[in-house]
Amino acid sequence: MNQHGYIWMRRAFSLDISNSRAQMVEAQREVVSIRGHLVAYEAEGDGAFFQDIRPQQNMAREQVSSGSEVPLEIHTEQAFSDRRPDYLCLGCIRGDPAAITYLLHVDAIVQHMSAEELTLLQQPLWRVGVDLSFRLQGVRDEVRGPVPILSLDFTDGWQLCFDQDLMRGITEEAEALRHKIVQLYYAERQGICLEAGDILLIENRVMVHGRSAFRPRYDETDRWLVRCFGMMNSRFTESVVKVQDS
């Protein structure tokens, strides 16, 4: 992964309209396999490795990937789980010029924090709820934690876990820091508009991401992404062992 925490492959290939999804799936499989293992979650997209992300009218104003009419607030994938993915891969079959994917690197957050704030951000001072997409598939609606937002890995540097919608501080100072990160996102974020044939690989442990609101037509012309997740080899092995031992 590059120093920016993401790789944007613009028009990685020309899509064959009659076989576009199969083409995209194979391309994403190759991209993720370079970094580690594909992973799937039973309660996310029915456990499929590759999930179609299209606007759903009944989810238009919800904080889920199939929403559209409200901005998707900033988050790392599955902030509530200790088995969250290392990578998020988005492949674009059909884009929408109004749908902007926004990114912010953890370093941009760290640079705007004092030493005292960095110390607090590494403390377990935030509780986090379970994603709506998981709750709709039967995962219990509960508040987990408390957890820290930042951690410092001596090999990989700063890492973060964050969810604007589902995370709340357990002290006034912690909640103020959550708001500060949201404000930094709006001031420092980078926008990407995905087009047909693009692949975006995001390093989930160093990037927060969100999306602008847009107006779908709810027909065959709407934005269409294919999503998959990846986990680094070492963490994949560790997660398998934890599951077998649990």
Protein backbone atom coordinates (compact mmCIF):
# COMPACT_ATOMS: atom_id res chain seq x y z
CA MET A 1 0.00 0.00 0.00
CA ASN A 2 1.29 3.50 -0.76
CA GLN A 3 1.88 6.21 1.83
CA HIS A 4 -1.61 7.61 1.25
CA GLY A 5 -3.33 4.48 2.60
CA TYR A 6 -5.19 3.68 -0.62
CA ILE A 7 -4.65 2.68 -4.22
CA TRP A 8 -6.96 4.09 -6.89
CA MET A 9 -6.72 2.16 -10.15
CA ARG A 10 -8.47 4.39 -12.63
CA ARG A 11 -10.17 2.54 -15.45
CA ALA A 12 -8.19 -0.57 -14.59
CA PHE A 13 -9.78 -2.27 -17.59
CA SER A 14 -12.59 -1.83 -20.11
CA LEU A 15 -15.75 -3.56 -18.95
CA ASP A 16 -17.63 -5.90 -21.24
CA ILE A 17 -21.24 -4.89 -20.60
CA SER A 18 -22.45 -8.47 -20.97
CA ASN A 19 -19.93 -9.80 -18.45
CA SER A 20 -19.01 -6.76 -16.37
CA ARG A 21 -19.58 -8.17 -12.89
CA ALA A 22 -17.58 -11.35 -13.53
CA GLN A 23 -14.73 -9.25 -14.91
CA MET A 24 -14.75 -6.97 -11.90
CA VAL A 25 -14.86 -9.85 -9.41
CA GLU A 26 -11.81 -11.49 -10.96
CA ALA A 27 -9.90 -8.21 -11.02
CA GLN A 28 -10.71 -7.51 -7.36
CA ARG A 29 -9.78 -11.05 -6.38
CA GLU A 30 -6.33 -10.54 -7.89
CA VAL A 31 -5.86 -7.13 -6.27
CA VAL A 32 -6.77 -8.31 -2.77
CA SER A 33 -4.75 -11.53 -3.06
CA ILE A 34 -1.59 -9.44 -3.47
CA ARG A 35 -2.17 -8.00 -0.01
CA GLY A 36 -3.53 -11.06 1.80
CA HIS A 37 -6.72 -13.14 1.96
CA LEU A 38 -10.28 -12.42 0.92
CA VAL A 39 -12.59 -12.56 3.93
CA ALA A 40 -16.36 -12.56 4.28
CA TYR A 41 -18.69 -12.08 7.24
CA GLU A 42 -21.80 -14.19 7.70
CA ALA A 43 -23.91 -11.21 8.73
CA GLU A 44 -22.65 -8.87 5.99
CA GLY A 45 -24.05 -9.40 2.51
CA ASP A 46 -25.21 -12.94 3.40
CA GLY A 47 -21.59 -14.03 3.77
CA ALA A 48 -20.72 -13.41 0.11
CA PHE A 49 -17.10 -12.59 -0.72
CA PHE A 50 -18.27 -10.12 -3.39
CA GLN A 51 -21.28 -7.92 -2.62
CA ASP A 52 -23.24 -5.71 -4.98
CA ILE A 53 -23.69 -2.19 -3.65
CA ARG A 54 -26.61 -0.41 -5.28
CA PRO A 55 -29.00 2.22 -3.92
CA GLN A 56 -32.06 0.77 -2.22
CA GLN A 57 -35.04 3.06 -1.87
CA ASN A 58 -36.02 1.70 1.56
CA MET A 59 -32.46 2.44 2.80
CA ALA A 60 -32.09 5.85 1.16
CA ARG A 61 -31.63 7.77 4.42
CA GLU A 62 -29.87 5.10 6.47
CA GLN A 63 -26.19 4.88 7.40
CA VAL A 64 -25.53 1.85 5.20
CA SER A 65 -23.71 1.33 1.92
CA SER A 66 -26.99 1.05 0.02
CA GLY A 67 -28.09 4.47 1.27
CA SER A 68 -27.93 7.55 -0.95
CA GLU A 69 -29.98 10.58 0.03
CA VAL A 70 -27.88 11.45 3.11
CA PRO A 71 -24.08 11.52 3.35
CA LEU A 72 -22.51 8.29 4.55
CA GLU A 73 -20.71 9.43 7.69
CA ILE A 74 -17.04 8.70 8.24
CA HIS A 75 -16.02 5.33 9.58
CA THR A 76 -13.62 2.46 9.43
CA GLU A 77 -15.25 -0.78 8.40
CA GLN A 78 -16.73 -2.75 11.31
CA ALA A 79 -15.38 -0.57 14.08
CA PHE A 80 -17.37 -2.68 16.56
CA SER A 81 -15.41 -5.87 15.79
CA ASP A 82 -11.90 -7.02 16.69
CA ARG A 83 -11.93 -9.04 13.45
CA ARG A 84 -12.55 -6.09 11.18
CA PRO A 85 -10.90 -6.26 7.74
CA ASP A 86 -7.54 -4.75 6.89
CA TYR A 87 -8.67 -3.79 3.40
CA LEU A 88 -11.83 -2.58 1.72
CA CYS A 89 -11.93 -3.00 -2.05
CA LEU A 90 -14.52 -1.18 -4.17
CA GLY A 91 -14.90 -1.98 -7.85
CA CYS A 92 -17.05 0.36 -9.93
CA ILE A 93 -19.24 -1.11 -12.67
CA ARG A 94 -21.36 2.03 -13.03
CA GLY A 95 -20.60 5.39 -11.47
CA ASP A 96 -22.54 8.52 -10.52
CA PRO A 97 -20.83 11.93 -10.83
CA ALA A 98 -22.59 13.13 -7.68
CA ALA A 99 -21.42 10.20 -5.53
CA ILE A 100 -18.03 11.15 -4.09
CA THR A 101 -16.05 8.78 -1.89
CA TYR A 102 -14.14 10.74 0.76
CA LEU A 103 -10.94 9.60 2.47
CA LEU A 104 -8.84 10.80 5.40
CA HIS A 105 -5.56 9.27 6.56
CA VAL A 106 -4.83 8.73 10.25
CA ASP A 107 -1.66 10.86 9.92
CA ALA A 108 -3.80 13.90 9.11
CA ILE A 109 -5.61 13.35 12.41
CA VAL A 110 -2.42 12.80 14.42
CA GLN A 111 -0.81 15.97 13.03
CA HIS A 112 -3.63 18.09 14.43
CA MET A 113 -3.60 16.61 17.92
CA SER A 114 -1.62 17.72 20.95
CA ALA A 115 0.46 15.25 22.96
CA GLU A 116 -2.25 15.20 25.62
CA GLU A 117 -4.95 14.51 23.04
CA LEU A 118 -2.91 11.68 21.50
CA THR A 119 -2.56 10.11 24.91
CA LEU A 120 -6.32 10.26 25.45
CA LEU A 121 -7.06 8.86 21.99
CA GLN A 122 -5.08 5.74 22.88
CA GLN A 123 -7.23 5.12 25.97
CA PRO A 124 -10.44 3.00 25.91
CA LEU A 125 -12.81 5.95 26.15
CA TRP A 126 -15.36 5.23 23.39
CA ARG A 127 -18.27 2.84 23.14
CA VAL A 128 -19.39 1.68 19.71
CA GLY A 129 -22.60 0.18 18.38
CA VAL A 130 -23.08 -2.60 15.84
CA ASP A 131 -23.53 -1.63 12.19
CA LEU A 132 -27.14 -1.54 10.96
CA SER A 133 -26.25 -3.89 8.10
CA PHE A 134 -25.20 -6.52 10.65
CA ARG A 135 -28.23 -5.93 12.87
CA LEU A 136 -30.54 -6.47 9.91
CA GLN A 137 -28.97 -9.92 9.54
CA GLY A 138 -29.64 -10.89 13.13
CA VAL A 139 -26.58 -9.65 15.03
CA ARG A 140 -27.65 -8.42 18.47
CA ASP A 141 -28.08 -4.67 18.79
CA GLU A 142 -25.62 -3.85 21.53
CA VAL A 143 -23.05 -1.26 22.54
CA ARG A 144 -19.50 -2.62 22.79
CA GLY A 145 -16.30 -1.36 24.31
CA PRO A 146 -15.03 0.95 25.53
CA VAL A 147 -12.25 1.00 22.92
CA PRO A 148 -9.51 3.46 21.92
CA ILE A 149 -9.63 5.38 18.65
CA LEU A 150 -5.87 5.35 18.03
CA SER A 151 -3.18 2.75 18.54
CA LEU A 152 0.53 2.92 17.76
CA ASP A 153 2.07 -0.13 16.14
CA PHE A 154 5.87 -0.11 16.15
CA THR A 155 5.91 -1.75 12.71
CA ASP A 156 2.94 -0.14 10.96
CA GLY A 157 2.72 3.21 12.76
CA TRP A 158 -0.53 4.87 13.77
CA GLN A 159 -3.79 2.98 13.29
CA LEU A 160 -7.36 3.96 14.03
CA CYS A 161 -10.84 2.63 14.66
CA PHE A 162 -13.67 5.12 14.21
CA ASP A 163 -17.37 5.43 13.47
CA GLN A 164 -19.04 8.84 13.47
CA ASP A 165 -22.55 7.41 13.66
CA LEU A 166 -22.06 4.59 16.16
CA MET A 167 -19.22 5.72 18.43
CA ARG A 168 -19.66 7.89 21.52
CA GLY A 169 -17.20 9.05 24.15
CA ILE A 170 -17.72 8.02 27.76
CA THR A 171 -16.37 11.37 29.02
CA GLU A 172 -16.86 14.95 27.86
CA GLU A 173 -13.23 15.10 26.74
CA ALA A 174 -13.60 11.90 24.72
CA GLU A 175 -16.76 13.13 23.03
CA ALA A 176 -15.06 16.45 22.19
CA LEU A 177 -12.21 14.52 20.53
CA ARG A 178 -14.72 12.54 18.47
CA HIS A 179 -16.21 15.80 17.22
CA LYS A 180 -12.73 17.16 16.48
CA ILE A 181 -11.96 14.18 14.22
CA VAL A 182 -15.22 14.74 12.33
CA GLN A 183 -14.33 18.41 11.85
CA LEU A 184 -10.85 17.46 10.61
CA TYR A 185 -12.42 15.10 8.11
CA TYR A 186 -14.51 17.87 6.58
CA ALA A 187 -11.50 20.20 6.46
CA GLU A 188 -8.85 17.75 5.20
CA ARG A 189 -10.65 14.97 3.31
CA GLN A 190 -9.85 13.93 -0.24
CA GLY A 191 -12.63 13.16 -2.68
CA ILE A 192 -12.70 10.45 -5.36
CA CYS A 193 -15.46 9.95 -7.91
CA LEU A 194 -15.43 6.34 -9.01
CA GLU A 195 -16.11 5.61 -12.67
CA ALA A 196 -16.76 2.40 -14.58
CA GLY A 197 -13.68 0.18 -14.52
CA ASP A 198 -12.13 1.83 -11.43
CA ILE A 199 -10.91 -0.16 -8.44
CA LEU A 200 -10.27 1.52 -5.09
CA LEU A 201 -8.35 -0.38 -2.40
CA ILE A 202 -8.52 1.26 1.04
CA GLU A 203 -6.36 0.32 4.02
CA ASN A 204 -9.03 0.08 6.69
CA ARG A 205 -6.73 0.46 9.71
CA VAL A 206 -5.26 3.80 8.63
CA MET A 207 -8.13 5.43 6.71
CA VAL A 208 -11.60 6.66 7.50
CA HIS A 209 -13.97 7.00 4.59
CA GLY A 210 -17.40 8.37 3.80
CA ARG A 211 -19.57 9.24 0.81
CA SER A 212 -21.55 12.22 -0.39
CA ALA A 213 -25.31 12.13 -0.80
CA PHE A 214 -26.62 11.56 -4.31
CA ARG A 215 -29.98 11.10 -6.03
CA PRO A 216 -30.50 7.68 -7.60
CA ARG A 217 -33.30 6.92 -10.03
CA TYR A 218 -33.73 3.36 -8.76
CA ASP A 219 -33.42 1.85 -12.18
CA GLU A 220 -30.75 0.08 -14.23
CA THR A 221 -28.73 3.30 -14.61
CA ASP A 222 -27.89 3.73 -10.91
CA ARG A 223 -24.44 3.56 -9.33
CA TRP A 224 -23.22 -0.03 -9.00
CA LEU A 225 -20.20 -1.08 -6.98
CA VAL A 226 -18.84 -4.50 -6.07
CA ARG A 227 -17.38 -4.65 -2.57
CA CYS A 228 -15.05 -7.14 -0.97
CA PHE A 229 -12.83 -7.27 2.11
CA GLY A 230 -9.30 -8.49 2.70
CA MET A 231 -7.17 -9.37 5.69
CA MET A 232 -3.39 -9.46 5.93
CA ASN A 233 -1.92 -12.96 6.10
CA SER A 234 -0.74 -12.65 9.72
CA ARG A 235 -4.05 -11.30 11.02
CA PHE A 236 -6.02 -13.79 8.92
CA THR A 237 -4.15 -16.67 10.56
CA GLU A 238 -4.65 -15.13 14.01
CA SER A 239 -8.40 -14.71 13.40
CA VAL A 240 -8.76 -18.32 12.22
CA VAL A 241 -7.05 -19.53 15.39
CA LYS A 242 -9.31 -17.36 17.57
CA VAL A 243 -12.44 -18.70 15.86
CA GLN A 244 -11.27 -22.31 16.26
CA ASP A 245 -10.47 -21.76 19.94
CA SER A 246 -13.72 -19.95 20.76
